[in-house]
C-alpha atoms as a PDB file:
ATOM      1  CA  MET A   1      25.256  14.051  -0.772  1.00  0.00           C
ATOM      2  CA  ARG A   2      23.555  12.683  -3.850  1.00  0.00           C
ATOM      3  CA  PHE A   3      20.266  10.766  -3.503  1.00  0.00           C
ATOM      4  CA  ASP A   4      20.407   7.124  -4.533  1.00  0.00           C
ATOM      5  CA  SER A   5      17.395   6.707  -6.837  1.00  0.00           C
ATOM      6  CA  SER A   6      17.666   2.918  -6.582  1.00  0.00           C
ATOM      7  CA  LEU A   7      15.966   3.276  -3.189  1.00  0.00           C
ATOM      8  CA  LEU A   8      12.770   4.128  -5.054  1.00  0.00           C
ATOM      9  CA  GLU A   9      13.092   1.002  -7.172  1.00  0.00           C
ATOM     10  CA  HIS A  10      13.122  -1.256  -4.099  1.00  0.00           C
ATOM     11  CA  ILE A  11       9.558  -2.392  -3.523  1.00  0.00           C
ATOM     12  CA  PRO A  12       8.494  -4.472  -0.507  1.00  0.00           C
ATOM     13  CA  ASP A  13       7.213  -7.957  -1.275  1.00  0.00           C
ATOM     14  CA  ASP A  14       3.654  -7.172  -0.222  1.00  0.00           C
ATOM     15  CA  LEU A  15       3.473  -4.281  -2.720  1.00  0.00           C
ATOM     16  CA  ILE A  16       4.874  -6.011  -5.817  1.00  0.00           C
ATOM     17  CA  ASP A  17       1.407  -6.799  -7.221  1.00  0.00           C
ATOM     18  CA  THR A  18       0.260  -3.234  -6.606  1.00  0.00           C
ATOM     19  CA  HIS A  19       3.383  -1.930  -8.350  1.00  0.00           C
ATOM     20  CA  HIS A  20       2.711  -4.088 -11.429  1.00  0.00           C
ATOM     21  CA  LEU A  21      -0.928  -3.018 -11.432  1.00  0.00           C
ATOM     22  CA  LEU A  22       0.066   0.656 -11.233  1.00  0.00           C
ATOM     23  CA  ASN A  23       2.552   0.170 -14.091  1.00  0.00           C
ATOM     24  CA  ALA A  24      -0.192  -1.367 -16.248  1.00  0.00           C
ATOM     25  CA  TRP A  25      -2.546   1.467 -15.242  1.00  0.00           C
ATOM     26  CA  ALA A  26       0.117   3.997 -16.230  1.00  0.00           C
ATOM     27  CA  GLU A  27       0.460   2.396 -19.665  1.00  0.00           C
ATOM     28  CA  TRP A  28      -3.309   2.650 -20.027  1.00  0.00           C
ATOM     29  CA  GLY A  29      -3.444   6.260 -18.877  1.00  0.00           C
ATOM     30  CA  ARG A  30      -0.289   7.632 -20.473  1.00  0.00           C
ATOM     31  CA  PRO A  31      -0.824   9.782 -23.571  1.00  0.00           C
ATOM     32  CA  LYS A  32      -0.051   7.785 -26.694  1.00  0.00           C
ATOM     33  CA  THR A  33       1.337  10.678 -28.744  1.00  0.00           C
ATOM     34  CA  LYS A  34       4.343  12.836 -28.084  1.00  0.00           C
ATOM     35  CA  GLN A  35       3.915  16.379 -26.883  1.00  0.00           C
ATOM     36  CA  ASN A  36       3.194  18.988 -29.590  1.00  0.00           C
ATOM     37  CA  THR A  37       2.409  16.318 -32.180  1.00  0.00           C
ATOM     38  CA  CYS A  38      -0.760  15.007 -33.677  1.00  0.00           C
ATOM     39  CA  GLY A  39      -1.611  11.322 -33.632  1.00  0.00           C
ATOM     40  CA  SER A  40      -1.705  10.340 -37.270  1.00  0.00           C
ATOM     41  CA  LEU A  41      -4.161   7.858 -38.722  1.00  0.00           C
ATOM     42  CA  GLU A  42      -1.422   6.163 -40.714  1.00  0.00           C
ATOM     43  CA  LYS A  43       0.393   5.118 -37.558  1.00  0.00           C
ATOM     44  CA  GLN A  44      -2.789   3.807 -35.977  1.00  0.00           C
ATOM     45  CA  TYR A  45      -3.808   1.684 -38.964  1.00  0.00           C
ATOM     46  CA  LYS A  46      -3.107  -2.029 -38.586  1.00  0.00           C
ATOM     47  CA  SER A  47      -3.097  -3.955 -41.829  1.00  0.00           C
ATOM     48  CA  PRO A  48      -5.078  -7.197 -41.443  1.00  0.00           C
ATOM     49  CA  TRP A  49      -3.214  -9.168 -44.120  1.00  0.00           C
ATOM     50  CA  ARG A  50       0.390  -8.083 -43.617  1.00  0.00           C
ATOM     51  CA  GLN A  51       2.443  -8.168 -40.490  1.00  0.00           C
ATOM     52  CA  TRP A  52       5.644  -6.210 -40.818  1.00  0.00           C
ATOM     53  CA  HIS A  53       6.930  -6.995 -37.352  1.00  0.00           C
ATOM     54  CA  TYR A  54       6.407  -9.606 -34.705  1.00  0.00           C
ATOM     55  CA  PRO A  55       3.763  -8.697 -32.145  1.00  0.00           C
ATOM     56  CA  ASP A  56       4.934  -7.649 -28.725  1.00  0.00           C
ATOM     57  CA  LEU A  57       3.505 -10.474 -26.630  1.00  0.00           C
ATOM     58  CA  TYR A  58       4.637  -9.002 -23.316  1.00  0.00           C
ATOM     59  CA  ALA A  59       2.698  -5.803 -24.037  1.00  0.00           C
ATOM     60  CA  GLN A  60      -0.400  -7.852 -24.854  1.00  0.00           C
ATOM     61  CA  TRP A  61      -0.115  -9.878 -21.647  1.00  0.00           C
ATOM     62  CA  THR A  62       0.374  -6.853 -19.428  1.00  0.00           C
ATOM     63  CA  LYS A  63      -2.405  -4.812 -21.005  1.00  0.00           C
ATOM     64  CA  LEU A  64      -4.980  -3.890 -18.403  1.00  0.00           C
ATOM     65  CA  PRO A  65      -8.678  -4.209 -19.261  1.00  0.00           C
ATOM     66  CA  ASP A  66     -10.526  -0.904 -19.247  1.00  0.00           C
ATOM     67  CA  PHE A  67     -12.757  -1.736 -16.282  1.00  0.00           C
ATOM     68  CA  GLN A  68      -9.743  -2.591 -14.094  1.00  0.00           C
ATOM     69  CA  ALA A  69      -7.882   0.522 -15.196  1.00  0.00           C
ATOM     70  CA  ILE A  70     -10.911   2.641 -14.326  1.00  0.00           C
ATOM     71  CA  ASP A  71     -11.018   1.034 -10.867  1.00  0.00           C
ATOM     72  CA  VAL A  72      -7.348   1.895 -10.334  1.00  0.00           C
ATOM     73  CA  GLU A  73      -7.989   5.435 -11.594  1.00  0.00           C
ATOM     74  CA  ARG A  74     -10.823   5.846  -9.081  1.00  0.00           C
ATOM     75  CA  ALA A  75      -8.612   4.539  -6.275  1.00  0.00           C
ATOM     76  CA  VAL A  76      -5.871   7.004  -7.209  1.00  0.00           C
ATOM     77  CA  GLN A  77      -8.366   9.876  -7.418  1.00  0.00           C
ATOM     78  CA  GLN A  78      -9.518   9.170  -3.849  1.00  0.00           C
ATOM     79  CA  LEU A  79      -6.015   9.682  -2.429  1.00  0.00           C
ATOM     80  CA  HIS A  80      -4.867  12.868  -0.737  1.00  0.00           C
ATOM     81  CA  ASP A  81      -3.395  15.464  -3.071  1.00  0.00           C
ATOM     82  CA  SER A  82       0.244  14.808  -2.226  1.00  0.00           C
ATOM     83  CA  HIS A  83      -0.078  11.019  -2.520  1.00  0.00           C
ATOM     84  CA  ARG A  84      -2.072  11.304  -5.757  1.00  0.00           C
ATOM     85  CA  ASN A  85       0.512  13.675  -7.263  1.00  0.00           C
ATOM     86  CA  VAL A  86       3.393  11.372  -6.328  1.00  0.00           C
ATOM     87  CA  ILE A  87       1.686   8.318  -7.846  1.00  0.00           C
ATOM     88  CA  ARG A  88       0.844  10.168 -11.066  1.00  0.00           C
ATOM     89  CA  LEU A  89       4.300  11.709 -11.380  1.00  0.00           C
ATOM     90  CA  TRP A  90       6.146   8.455 -10.702  1.00  0.00           C
ATOM     91  CA  TYR A  91       4.077   6.100 -12.839  1.00  0.00           C
ATOM     92  CA  ILE A  92       2.500   8.179 -15.615  1.00  0.00           C
ATOM     93  CA  LYS A  93       4.967  11.044 -16.088  1.00  0.00           C
ATOM     94  CA  LYS A  94       8.073   9.029 -15.073  1.00  0.00           C
ATOM     95  CA  ALA A  95       9.331  12.094 -13.235  1.00  0.00           C
ATOM     96  CA  PRO A  96      12.714  12.245 -11.467  1.00  0.00           C
ATOM     97  CA  PRO A  97      12.900  11.943  -7.668  1.00  0.00           C
ATOM     98  CA  TRP A  98      13.388  15.678  -7.104  1.00  0.00           C
ATOM     99  CA  ALA A  99      10.031  16.358  -8.799  1.00  0.00           C
ATOM    100  CA  LEU A 100       8.325  13.860  -6.484  1.00  0.00           C
ATOM    101  CA  LYS A 101       9.974  15.488  -3.488  1.00  0.00           C
ATOM    102  CA  SER A 102       8.810  18.951  -4.437  1.00  0.00           C
ATOM    103  CA  ALA A 103       5.276  17.750  -5.271  1.00  0.00           C
ATOM    104  CA  ALA A 104       4.897  16.053  -1.886  1.00  0.00           C
ATOM    105  CA  ASN A 105       6.833  18.760   0.003  1.00  0.00           C
ATOM    106  CA  ILE A 106       8.903  16.205   1.922  1.00  0.00           C
ATOM    107  CA  LYS A 107      12.593  15.493   2.465  1.00  0.00           C
ATOM    108  CA  MET A 108      14.413  13.359  -0.069  1.00  0.00           C
ATOM    109  CA  ALA A 109      15.218  10.758   2.594  1.00  0.00           C
ATOM    110  CA  ASP A 110      11.491  10.279   3.280  1.00  0.00           C
ATOM    111  CA  LEU A 111      10.579   9.795  -0.372  1.00  0.00           C
ATOM    112  CA  PRO A 112      10.871   5.962  -0.588  1.00  0.00           C
ATOM    113  CA  ASN A 113       8.630   5.524   2.469  1.00  0.00           C
ATOM    114  CA  PHE A 114       6.170   8.096   1.134  1.00  0.00           C
ATOM    115  CA  LEU A 115       5.946   6.309  -2.221  1.00  0.00           C
ATOM    116  CA  ASN A 116       5.387   2.962  -0.494  1.00  0.00           C
ATOM    117  CA  GLU A 117       2.680   4.530   1.688  1.00  0.00           C
ATOM    118  CA  SER A 118       0.994   5.811  -1.461  1.00  0.00           C
ATOM    119  CA  ARG A 119       1.116   2.330  -2.995  1.00  0.00           C
ATOM    120  CA  LYS A 120      -0.395   0.877   0.187  1.00  0.00           C
ATOM    121  CA  MET A 121      -3.189   3.439   0.063  1.00  0.00           C
ATOM    122  CA  VAL A 122      -4.009   2.479  -3.519  1.00  0.00           C
ATOM    123  CA  ARG A 123      -3.967  -1.205  -2.592  1.00  0.00           C
ATOM    124  CA  ASN A 124      -6.271  -0.616   0.385  1.00  0.00           C
ATOM    125  CA  ARG A 125      -8.689   1.468  -1.703  1.00  0.00           C
ATOM    126  CA  LEU A 126      -8.826  -1.253  -4.342  1.00  0.00           C
ATOM    127  CA  HIS A 127      -9.449  -3.949  -1.715  1.00  0.00           C
ATOM    128  CA  SER A 128     -12.169  -1.928  -0.019  1.00  0.00           C
ATOM    129  CA  SER A 129     -13.920  -1.176  -3.325  1.00  0.00           C
ATOM    130  CA  LEU A 130     -13.680  -4.829  -4.320  1.00  0.00           C
ATOM    131  CA  GLN A 131     -15.206  -5.938  -1.027  1.00  0.00           C
ATOM    132  CA  ALA A 132     -17.983  -3.362  -1.390  1.00  0.00           C
ATOM    133  CA  ASP A 133     -18.789  -4.688  -4.865  1.00  0.00           C
ATOM    134  CA  ILE A 134     -18.822  -8.337  -3.765  1.00  0.00           C
ATOM    135  CA  LYS A 135     -20.644  -7.949  -0.438  1.00  0.00           C
ATOM    136  CA  PRO A 136     -24.340  -8.786  -0.908  1.00  0.00           C
ATOM    137  CA  GLN A 137     -26.868  -6.283   0.342  1.00  0.00           C
ATOM    138  CA  ASN A 138     -28.279  -7.421   3.650  1.00  0.00           C
ATOM    139  CA  LEU A 139     -31.668  -5.913   4.425  1.00  0.00           C
ATOM    140  CA  THR A 140     -31.566  -6.823   8.108  1.00  0.00           C
ATOM    141  CA  THR A 141     -28.709  -4.471   8.979  1.00  0.00           C
ATOM    142  CA  ASP A 142     -28.461  -0.716   8.976  1.00  0.00           C
ATOM    143  CA  HIS A 143     -26.183   1.238   6.661  1.00  0.00           C
ATOM    144  CA  SER A 144     -23.136   0.855   8.892  1.00  0.00           C
ATOM    145  CA  GLY A 145     -23.476  -2.928   8.734  1.00  0.00           C
ATOM    146  CA  HIS A 146     -23.171  -3.437  12.506  1.00  0.00           C
ATOM    147  CA  ARG A 147     -26.565  -3.349  14.251  1.00  0.00           C
ATOM    148  CA  PRO A 148     -29.547  -5.346  13.090  1.00  0.00           C
ATOM    149  CA  LEU A 149     -32.677  -3.343  12.499  1.00  0.00           C
ATOM    150  CA  ARG A 150     -35.574  -4.223  14.797  1.00  0.00           C
ATOM    151  CA  GLY A 151     -38.543  -3.629  12.553  1.00  0.00           C
ATOM    152  CA  LEU A 152     -37.788  -3.415   8.863  1.00  0.00           C
ATOM    153  CA  VAL A 153     -40.534  -1.594   7.020  1.00  0.00           C
ATOM    154  CA  LEU A 154     -40.299  -1.258   3.256  1.00  0.00           C
ATOM    155  CA  SER A 155     -42.616   1.340   1.829  1.00  0.00           C
ATOM    156  CA  VAL A 156     -43.650   1.255  -1.786  1.00  0.00           C
ATOM    157  CA  GLY A 157     -44.140   4.657  -3.404  1.00  0.00           C
END
């Protein structure tokens, strides 16, 4: 029985934003030159006074700022090996389903759920890092954030 790869394309509604973010991250992280070639300066040069083609507005709108792409990269790096490999293979390498299956060492029928679990893990890591960045430092609680400290003594030097 042949695996229906359209099952991997179905993304739950709560993971659509994460999927778009991972696609933008993949565009940021994907190598810009083809394998066994050298990126030439002539192709990278953009003439300021002549425009030979219309700009791709969709690519400009979906371009991810570097600081957000680095946050996504950190979230992906914190995943377990199998989840990290599946995310990198699916989004950056655009690998076929059998490569994902062999990288994760799972059955083909479990692959859509495994990919969605990986997306959820990335989403949760991004939310937790965002909350850690926004949360102000409270000096009256200990490092776990649960119990208030009784006597707070700050020593200088």
